[in-house]
N, C-alpha and C. Protein backbone atom coordinates (compact mmCIF):
# COMPACT_ATOMS: atom_id res chain seq x y z
N UNK A 1 0.77 -0.94 0.08
CA UNK A 1 -0.15 0.20 -0.16
C UNK A 1 0.64 1.50 0.05
N UNK A 2 0.59 2.15 -0.93
CA UNK A 2 1.53 3.24 -1.12
C UNK A 2 0.86 4.21 0.30
N UNK A 3 1.75 5.09 0.57
CA UNK A 3 1.32 6.21 1.58
C UNK A 3 0.39 7.27 0.84
N UNK A 4 -0.63 7.57 1.55
CA UNK A 4 -1.35 8.59 0.92
C UNK A 4 -0.80 10.08 1.54
N UNK A 5 -0.85 11.06 0.66
CA UNK A 5 -0.24 12.35 0.95
C UNK A 5 -1.33 13.09 0.49
N UNK A 6 -1.27 14.31 1.38
CA UNK A 6 -0.81 14.75 2.40
C UNK A 6 -1.04 13.75 3.54
N UNK A 7 0.41 13.60 4.19
CA UNK A 7 0.10 13.06 5.37
C UNK A 7 0.40 13.43 6.55
N UNK A 8 -0.32 13.69 7.70
CA UNK A 8 -0.15 14.20 8.73
C UNK A 8 -0.11 13.75 9.85
N UNK A 9 0.49 14.24 11.29
CA UNK A 9 0.64 13.63 12.59
C UNK A 9 0.85 15.04 13.34
N UNK A 10 0.70 14.19 14.78
CA UNK A 10 0.72 15.44 15.91
C UNK A 10 1.62 14.52 16.26
N UNK A 11 2.63 15.26 17.64
CA UNK A 11 3.10 14.66 18.65
C UNK A 11 3.30 15.74 19.74
N UNK A 12 2.61 15.01 20.40
CA UNK A 12 2.82 15.93 22.14
C UNK A 12 4.16 15.78 22.79
N UNK A 13 4.28 17.36 23.33
CA UNK A 13 5.55 17.60 23.74
C UNK A 13 6.64 18.61 23.19
N UNK A 14 7.66 18.96 23.87
CA UNK A 14 8.30 19.93 23.70
C UNK A 14 9.62 19.34 22.63
N UNK A 15 9.65 19.70 21.47
CA UNK A 15 10.72 19.11 20.23
C UNK A 15 11.86 19.34 21.01
N UNK A 16 13.12 18.52 21.04
CA UNK A 16 14.28 18.47 21.32
C UNK A 16 15.21 19.19 20.04
N UNK A 17 15.90 19.98 20.99
CA UNK A 17 16.86 20.84 20.04
C UNK A 17 18.18 19.61 19.24
N UNK A 18 18.51 19.88 18.11
CA UNK A 18 19.63 19.13 17.75
C UNK A 18 20.96 19.37 18.46
N UNK A 19 20.86 20.11 19.45
CA UNK A 19 22.22 20.14 20.44
C UNK A 19 21.84 19.53 21.66
N UNK A 20 20.73 19.12 21.77
CA UNK A 20 20.11 18.03 23.29
C UNK A 20 21.06 16.97 23.30
N UNK A 21 21.07 16.18 24.20
CA UNK A 21 22.16 15.18 24.34
C UNK A 21 21.48 14.05 23.59
N UNK A 22 22.41 12.91 23.42
CA UNK A 22 21.74 11.89 22.79
C UNK A 22 20.61 11.16 23.20
N UNK A 23 20.54 10.80 24.83
CA UNK A 23 19.28 10.27 25.31
C UNK A 23 18.00 11.05 24.99
N UNK A 24 18.36 12.55 25.20
CA UNK A 24 17.02 13.00 24.80
C UNK A 24 16.60 13.14 23.43
N UNK A 25 17.35 12.86 22.57
CA UNK A 25 17.29 13.24 21.11
C UNK A 25 16.54 11.69 20.90
N UNK A 26 17.04 10.62 21.54
CA UNK A 26 16.63 9.17 21.07
C UNK A 26 15.06 9.33 21.77
N UNK A 27 14.83 9.61 22.90
CA UNK A 27 13.38 9.60 23.47
C UNK A 27 12.41 10.65 22.58
N UNK A 28 12.76 11.43 21.61
CA UNK A 28 12.21 12.70 21.21
C UNK A 28 11.94 11.62 19.90
N UNK A 29 12.88 10.63 19.16
CA UNK A 29 12.91 10.40 18.06
C UNK A 29 11.76 9.18 18.28
N UNK A 30 11.79 8.47 19.35
CA UNK A 30 10.64 7.37 19.80
C UNK A 30 9.56 7.93 19.61
N UNK A 31 9.23 9.30 20.54
CA UNK A 31 7.86 9.86 20.42
C UNK A 31 7.37 10.13 18.76
N UNK A 32 8.28 10.54 18.13
CA UNK A 32 7.84 10.62 16.56
C UNK A 32 7.42 9.53 16.18
N UNK A 33 8.21 8.53 16.38
CA UNK A 33 7.96 7.21 15.56
C UNK A 33 6.61 6.61 16.20
N UNK A 34 6.55 6.86 17.44
CA UNK A 34 5.19 6.11 18.24
C UNK A 34 3.94 7.04 17.39
N UNK A 35 4.14 8.37 17.31
CA UNK A 35 3.13 9.13 16.80
C UNK A 35 2.63 8.85 15.35
N UNK A 36 3.79 8.36 14.23
CA UNK A 36 3.96 7.94 13.21
C UNK A 36 3.06 6.74 12.91
N UNK A 37 3.46 5.82 14.37
CA UNK A 37 2.78 4.62 14.06
C UNK A 37 1.19 4.31 14.33
N UNK A 38 0.85 5.36 14.77
CA UNK A 38 -0.54 5.38 15.16
C UNK A 38 -1.13 5.89 13.68
N UNK A 39 -0.62 6.44 13.27
CA UNK A 39 -1.16 7.04 11.72
C UNK A 39 -1.05 6.17 10.64
N UNK A 40 -0.26 5.22 10.49
CA UNK A 40 0.57 4.63 9.30
C UNK A 40 -0.21 2.95 9.16
N UNK A 41 -1.44 2.87 9.54
CA UNK A 41 -1.91 1.49 9.58
C UNK A 41 -1.94 1.29 8.42
N UNK A 42 -1.21 0.03 7.68
CA UNK A 42 -1.58 -0.61 6.53
C UNK A 42 -0.23 -0.22 5.62
N UNK A 43 0.45 0.48 6.02
CA UNK A 43 1.72 1.40 5.56
C UNK A 43 2.76 0.12 5.45
N UNK A 44 3.42 0.14 4.51
CA UNK A 44 4.47 -0.87 4.52
C UNK A 44 5.83 -0.33 3.66
N UNK A 45 5.60 0.84 2.92
CA UNK A 45 6.47 1.44 2.14
C UNK A 45 7.22 3.07 2.28
N UNK A 46 8.05 2.98 2.36
CA UNK A 46 8.52 4.75 2.70
C UNK A 46 8.52 5.27 1.28
N UNK A 47 8.26 6.59 1.07
CA UNK A 47 8.25 7.45 0.12
C UNK A 47 9.55 7.59 -0.68
N UNK A 48 9.97 7.45 -1.87
CA UNK A 48 11.14 7.36 -2.39
C UNK A 48 11.27 8.55 -3.24
N UNK A 49 10.72 9.30 -3.37
CA UNK A 49 10.53 10.51 -4.51
C UNK A 49 10.84 12.06 -3.38
N UNK A 50 10.48 13.13 -4.50
CA UNK A 50 11.02 14.45 -3.47
C UNK A 50 9.78 14.57 -2.81
N UNK A 51 9.98 15.27 -1.56
CA UNK A 51 8.93 15.65 -0.50
C UNK A 51 8.99 16.84 -0.11
N UNK A 52 7.63 17.33 0.53
CA UNK A 52 7.64 18.87 1.26
C UNK A 52 7.21 18.63 2.47
N UNK A 53 8.06 19.18 3.28
CA UNK A 53 7.66 18.75 4.81
C UNK A 53 7.27 20.29 5.47
N UNK A 54 6.17 20.13 5.97
CA UNK A 54 5.56 21.28 6.88
C UNK A 54 5.76 20.81 8.49
N UNK A 55 6.22 21.92 9.32
CA UNK A 55 6.30 21.77 10.77
C UNK A 55 5.95 22.92 11.19
N UNK A 56 4.82 22.55 12.08
CA UNK A 56 4.20 23.67 12.79
C UNK A 56 4.52 23.49 14.18
N UNK A 57 5.00 24.15 15.16
CA UNK A 57 5.17 23.80 16.69
C UNK A 57 4.24 24.87 17.47
N UNK A 58 3.67 24.51 18.19
CA UNK A 58 2.40 25.43 19.25
C UNK A 58 3.12 25.29 20.45
N UNK A 59 4.14 26.00 21.07
CA UNK A 59 4.66 25.66 22.47
C UNK A 59 3.66 26.25 23.44
N UNK A 60 3.71 25.92 24.67
CA UNK A 60 2.88 26.16 25.85
C UNK A 60 3.18 27.57 26.28
N UNK A 61 4.48 28.05 26.02
CA UNK A 61 5.19 29.25 26.48
C UNK A 61 6.19 29.64 25.49
N UNK A 62 6.49 31.04 25.64
CA UNK A 62 7.49 31.41 24.49
C UNK A 62 8.60 30.31 24.53
N UNK A 63 9.00 30.28 23.27
CA UNK A 63 9.79 29.18 23.14
C UNK A 63 11.36 29.48 23.42
N UNK A 64 11.88 28.87 24.10
CA UNK A 64 13.61 29.12 24.14
C UNK A 64 14.39 28.31 23.02
N UNK A 65 15.45 28.79 22.83
CA UNK A 65 16.59 28.55 21.61
C UNK A 65 15.45 28.67 20.41
N UNK A 66 16.50 28.51 19.46
CA UNK A 66 15.96 28.75 17.98
C UNK A 66 15.17 27.64 16.98
N UNK A 67 14.22 28.24 16.24
CA UNK A 67 13.29 27.55 15.70
C UNK A 67 14.35 26.18 14.74
N UNK A 68 15.00 26.84 14.06
CA UNK A 68 15.73 25.87 13.32
C UNK A 68 16.47 24.88 14.25
N UNK A 69 16.81 24.80 15.28
CA UNK A 69 17.41 23.95 16.08
C UNK A 69 16.53 22.58 16.39
N UNK A 70 15.18 22.82 15.99
CA UNK A 70 14.49 21.52 16.44
C UNK A 70 14.16 20.67 14.97
N UNK A 71 14.39 21.40 13.65
CA UNK A 71 14.15 20.63 12.63
C UNK A 71 14.84 19.28 12.54
N UNK A 72 16.24 19.34 12.31
CA UNK A 72 16.98 18.12 12.08
C UNK A 72 16.63 16.90 12.85
N UNK A 73 16.46 16.50 14.17
CA UNK A 73 15.67 15.42 14.97
C UNK A 73 14.59 15.04 14.38
N UNK A 74 13.63 16.10 14.04
CA UNK A 74 12.43 15.80 13.28
C UNK A 74 12.48 14.86 12.11
N UNK A 75 13.49 15.70 11.15
CA UNK A 75 13.40 15.15 10.04
C UNK A 75 14.23 13.92 9.87
N UNK A 76 15.14 13.45 10.84
CA UNK A 76 15.89 12.06 10.82
C UNK A 76 15.23 11.12 11.68
N UNK A 77 14.00 11.65 12.18
CA UNK A 77 13.23 10.49 13.06
C UNK A 77 12.38 9.99 11.74
N UNK A 78 11.84 10.96 10.65
CA UNK A 78 11.06 10.03 9.81
C UNK A 78 11.64 9.45 8.59
N UNK A 79 13.32 9.41 8.75
CA UNK A 79 13.81 8.63 7.80
C UNK A 79 13.48 6.87 8.11
N UNK A 80 13.09 6.20 7.22
CA UNK A 80 12.62 4.63 7.18
C UNK A 80 10.96 4.95 7.37
N UNK A 81 10.49 5.01 8.43
CA UNK A 81 8.85 5.26 8.10
C UNK A 81 8.44 6.05 7.27
N UNK A 82 8.75 7.34 6.72
CA UNK A 82 8.20 8.21 5.91
C UNK A 82 8.77 8.21 4.78
N UNK A 83 10.09 8.59 4.39
CA UNK A 83 11.15 8.41 3.38
C UNK A 83 12.20 7.80 3.87
N UNK A 84 13.16 7.37 2.64
CA UNK A 84 14.05 6.78 2.45
C UNK A 84 15.36 7.66 2.81
N UNK A 85 15.77 8.79 2.83
CA UNK A 85 16.60 9.75 2.75
C UNK A 85 16.14 10.91 3.19
N UNK A 86 16.45 11.84 4.14
CA UNK A 86 16.12 13.19 4.31
C UNK A 86 16.44 13.88 3.09
N UNK A 87 17.33 13.37 2.41
CA UNK A 87 17.78 14.23 1.12
C UNK A 87 16.81 14.36 0.09
N UNK A 88 15.71 13.93 0.23
CA UNK A 88 14.57 13.95 -0.53
C UNK A 88 13.67 15.04 -0.16
N UNK A 89 13.77 15.81 1.01
CA UNK A 89 13.25 16.84 1.46
C UNK A 89 13.69 18.01 0.57
N UNK A 90 12.70 18.82 -0.37
CA UNK A 90 13.26 19.79 -1.23
C UNK A 90 12.67 21.25 -0.82
N UNK A 91 11.29 20.93 -0.06
CA UNK A 91 11.03 22.33 0.66
C UNK A 91 10.61 21.88 2.10
N UNK A 92 10.84 22.98 2.71
CA UNK A 92 10.69 22.77 4.46
C UNK A 92 10.02 23.81 4.86
N UNK A 93 8.67 23.83 5.52
CA UNK A 93 8.34 25.11 5.83
C UNK A 93 8.25 24.64 7.48
N UNK A 94 8.99 25.81 8.32
CA UNK A 94 8.82 25.68 9.68
C UNK A 94 8.38 26.72 10.34
N UNK A 95 7.19 26.70 11.23
CA UNK A 95 6.64 28.19 11.89
C UNK A 95 6.42 27.37 13.34
N UNK A 96 6.49 28.78 14.36
CA UNK A 96 6.00 28.47 15.53
C UNK A 96 4.87 29.22 16.02
N UNK A 97 4.17 28.98 16.66
CA UNK A 97 2.89 29.57 17.24
C UNK A 97 2.78 29.64 18.43
N UNK A 98 3.54 30.67 19.31
CA UNK A 98 3.73 30.89 20.64
C UNK A 98 1.81 31.36 21.28
N UNK A 99 2.01 31.20 22.54
CA UNK A 99 0.62 31.51 22.94
C UNK A 99 -0.22 32.60 22.80
N UNK A 100 0.80 33.83 22.35
CA UNK A 100 0.28 35.39 22.50
C UNK A 100 -0.02 35.48 20.92
N UNK A 101 0.01 34.53 20.14
CA UNK A 101 0.03 34.82 18.67
C UNK A 101 -1.33 34.45 18.00
N UNK A 102 -1.72 35.43 17.56
CA UNK A 102 -3.59 34.70 17.03
C UNK A 102 -3.27 34.30 15.66
N UNK A 103 -4.25 33.00 15.76
CA UNK A 103 -4.25 31.54 14.67
C UNK A 103 -5.66 31.75 14.21
N UNK A 104 -5.71 32.06 12.79
CA UNK A 104 -6.59 31.60 11.99
C UNK A 104 -6.41 30.90 10.89
N UNK A 105 -7.05 29.92 11.03
CA UNK A 105 -7.04 28.48 9.86
C UNK A 105 -8.19 28.45 9.01
N UNK A 106 -8.30 28.52 7.89
CA UNK A 106 -9.43 28.43 6.89
C UNK A 106 -9.41 27.11 6.44
N UNK A 107 -10.47 26.54 6.84
CA UNK A 107 -10.62 25.11 6.09
C UNK A 107 -9.58 24.12 6.86
N UNK A 108 -8.92 23.98 7.96
CA UNK A 108 -8.08 23.46 8.42
C UNK A 108 -8.06 21.77 8.02
N UNK A 109 -7.13 20.94 7.78
CA UNK A 109 -7.63 19.42 8.21
C UNK A 109 -7.82 18.83 9.44
N UNK A 110 -8.47 17.96 9.41
CA UNK A 110 -8.47 17.30 10.53
C UNK A 110 -7.57 17.35 11.87
N UNK A 111 -6.29 17.20 11.08
CA UNK A 111 -5.05 16.92 12.25
C UNK A 111 -4.61 18.23 12.29
N UNK A 112 -4.80 19.32 11.70
CA UNK A 112 -4.32 20.78 12.03
C UNK A 112 -5.40 21.07 12.93
N UNK A 113 -6.70 20.85 12.39
CA UNK A 113 -7.69 21.51 13.70
C UNK A 113 -7.41 20.76 14.87
N UNK A 114 -7.04 19.67 14.94
CA UNK A 114 -6.91 18.85 16.24
C UNK A 114 -5.42 19.57 17.07
N UNK A 115 -4.63 19.85 16.38
CA UNK A 115 -3.36 20.64 16.73
C UNK A 115 -3.87 22.01 17.28
N UNK A 116 -4.73 22.45 16.80
CA UNK A 116 -5.16 23.99 17.46
C UNK A 116 -6.18 23.77 18.47
N UNK A 117 -6.79 22.66 18.59
CA UNK A 117 -7.73 22.53 19.73
C UNK A 117 -7.14 21.80 21.10
N UNK A 118 -6.21 20.93 20.85
CA UNK A 118 -5.67 20.45 22.02
C UNK A 118 -4.56 21.39 22.56
N UNK A 119 -4.17 20.71 24.22
CA UNK A 119 -3.25 21.17 24.95
C UNK A 119 -1.87 21.41 24.52
N UNK A 120 -1.06 22.50 24.51
CA UNK A 120 0.23 22.80 24.16
C UNK A 120 1.03 22.21 25.15
N UNK A 121 2.23 21.74 24.86
CA UNK A 121 2.86 21.84 23.44
C UNK A 121 2.56 20.92 22.58
N UNK A 122 2.37 21.08 21.34
CA UNK A 122 2.02 20.01 20.12
C UNK A 122 2.83 20.30 18.96
N UNK A 123 3.23 19.28 18.49
CA UNK A 123 3.94 19.49 17.18
C UNK A 123 2.96 19.02 15.91
N UNK A 124 2.99 19.66 14.85
CA UNK A 124 2.24 19.25 13.81
C UNK A 124 2.92 19.10 12.65
N UNK A 125 3.02 17.95 11.94
CA UNK A 125 3.88 17.60 10.82
C UNK A 125 2.85 17.32 9.80
N UNK A 126 3.48 17.55 8.67
CA UNK A 126 2.65 17.30 7.29
C UNK A 126 3.52 17.07 6.22
N UNK A 127 3.66 15.65 4.99
CA UNK A 127 4.26 15.84 4.47
C UNK A 127 3.67 15.27 3.32
N UNK A 128 3.95 16.30 1.97
CA UNK A 128 3.31 16.15 0.82
C UNK A 128 4.40 15.44 -0.44
N UNK A 129 3.84 15.28 -1.39
CA UNK A 129 4.87 14.44 -2.54
C UNK A 129 3.73 15.01 -3.73
N UNK A 130 4.43 14.63 -4.99
CA UNK A 130 3.97 15.14 -6.12
C UNK A 130 2.68 14.63 -6.36
N UNK A 131 2.27 13.34 -5.67
CA UNK A 131 0.56 13.04 -5.73
C UNK A 131 -0.15 13.96 -4.87
N UNK A 132 0.30 14.54 -4.04
CA UNK A 132 -0.63 15.63 -3.23
C UNK A 132 -1.27 16.66 -4.10
N UNK A 133 -2.45 16.80 -4.17
CA UNK A 133 -3.10 18.00 -4.66
C UNK A 133 -3.17 19.15 -4.19
N UNK A 134 -2.72 19.06 -3.13
CA UNK A 134 -2.58 20.64 -2.48
C UNK A 134 -1.14 21.35 -2.86
N UNK A 135 -0.24 20.41 -3.22
CA UNK A 135 1.26 21.07 -3.39
C UNK A 135 1.98 21.30 -2.15
N UNK A 136 1.44 20.96 -1.15
CA UNK A 136 2.07 21.36 0.09
C UNK A 136 1.83 22.33 1.01
N UNK A 137 0.64 22.96 0.51
CA UNK A 137 0.08 24.48 0.87
C UNK A 137 -0.57 23.77 2.04
N UNK A 138 -1.05 24.82 3.09
CA UNK A 138 -1.69 24.76 4.47
C UNK A 138 -3.16 24.85 4.06
């Protein structure tokens, strides 16, 4: 069975920085893979072509550190379950929505609506490929 795209999933918790300890990065990678496992029923193959990745982070307080430092551990955790190699990522959109920032979503997907409604901190991830009708737009 091919992976249907766009493919979206949520991960509860604070993303680990690429500068975090090996143990904390391993635990975060496991959290991502568990979240993927809940959404991957019937999936047996990773995407092999170019992908676009959208990462939206909804922290519970103003974020400490730089947003770019959370990206690499997230992308690395998806090697294998989502795509063969993170070199396949041709487009990457990363944005944080701190608690004081107003958010308006017109026609959000079910997963994005869930991210907006649930307790923070939460991470929303979306993967698109050439088969995605939306072209990777939210």
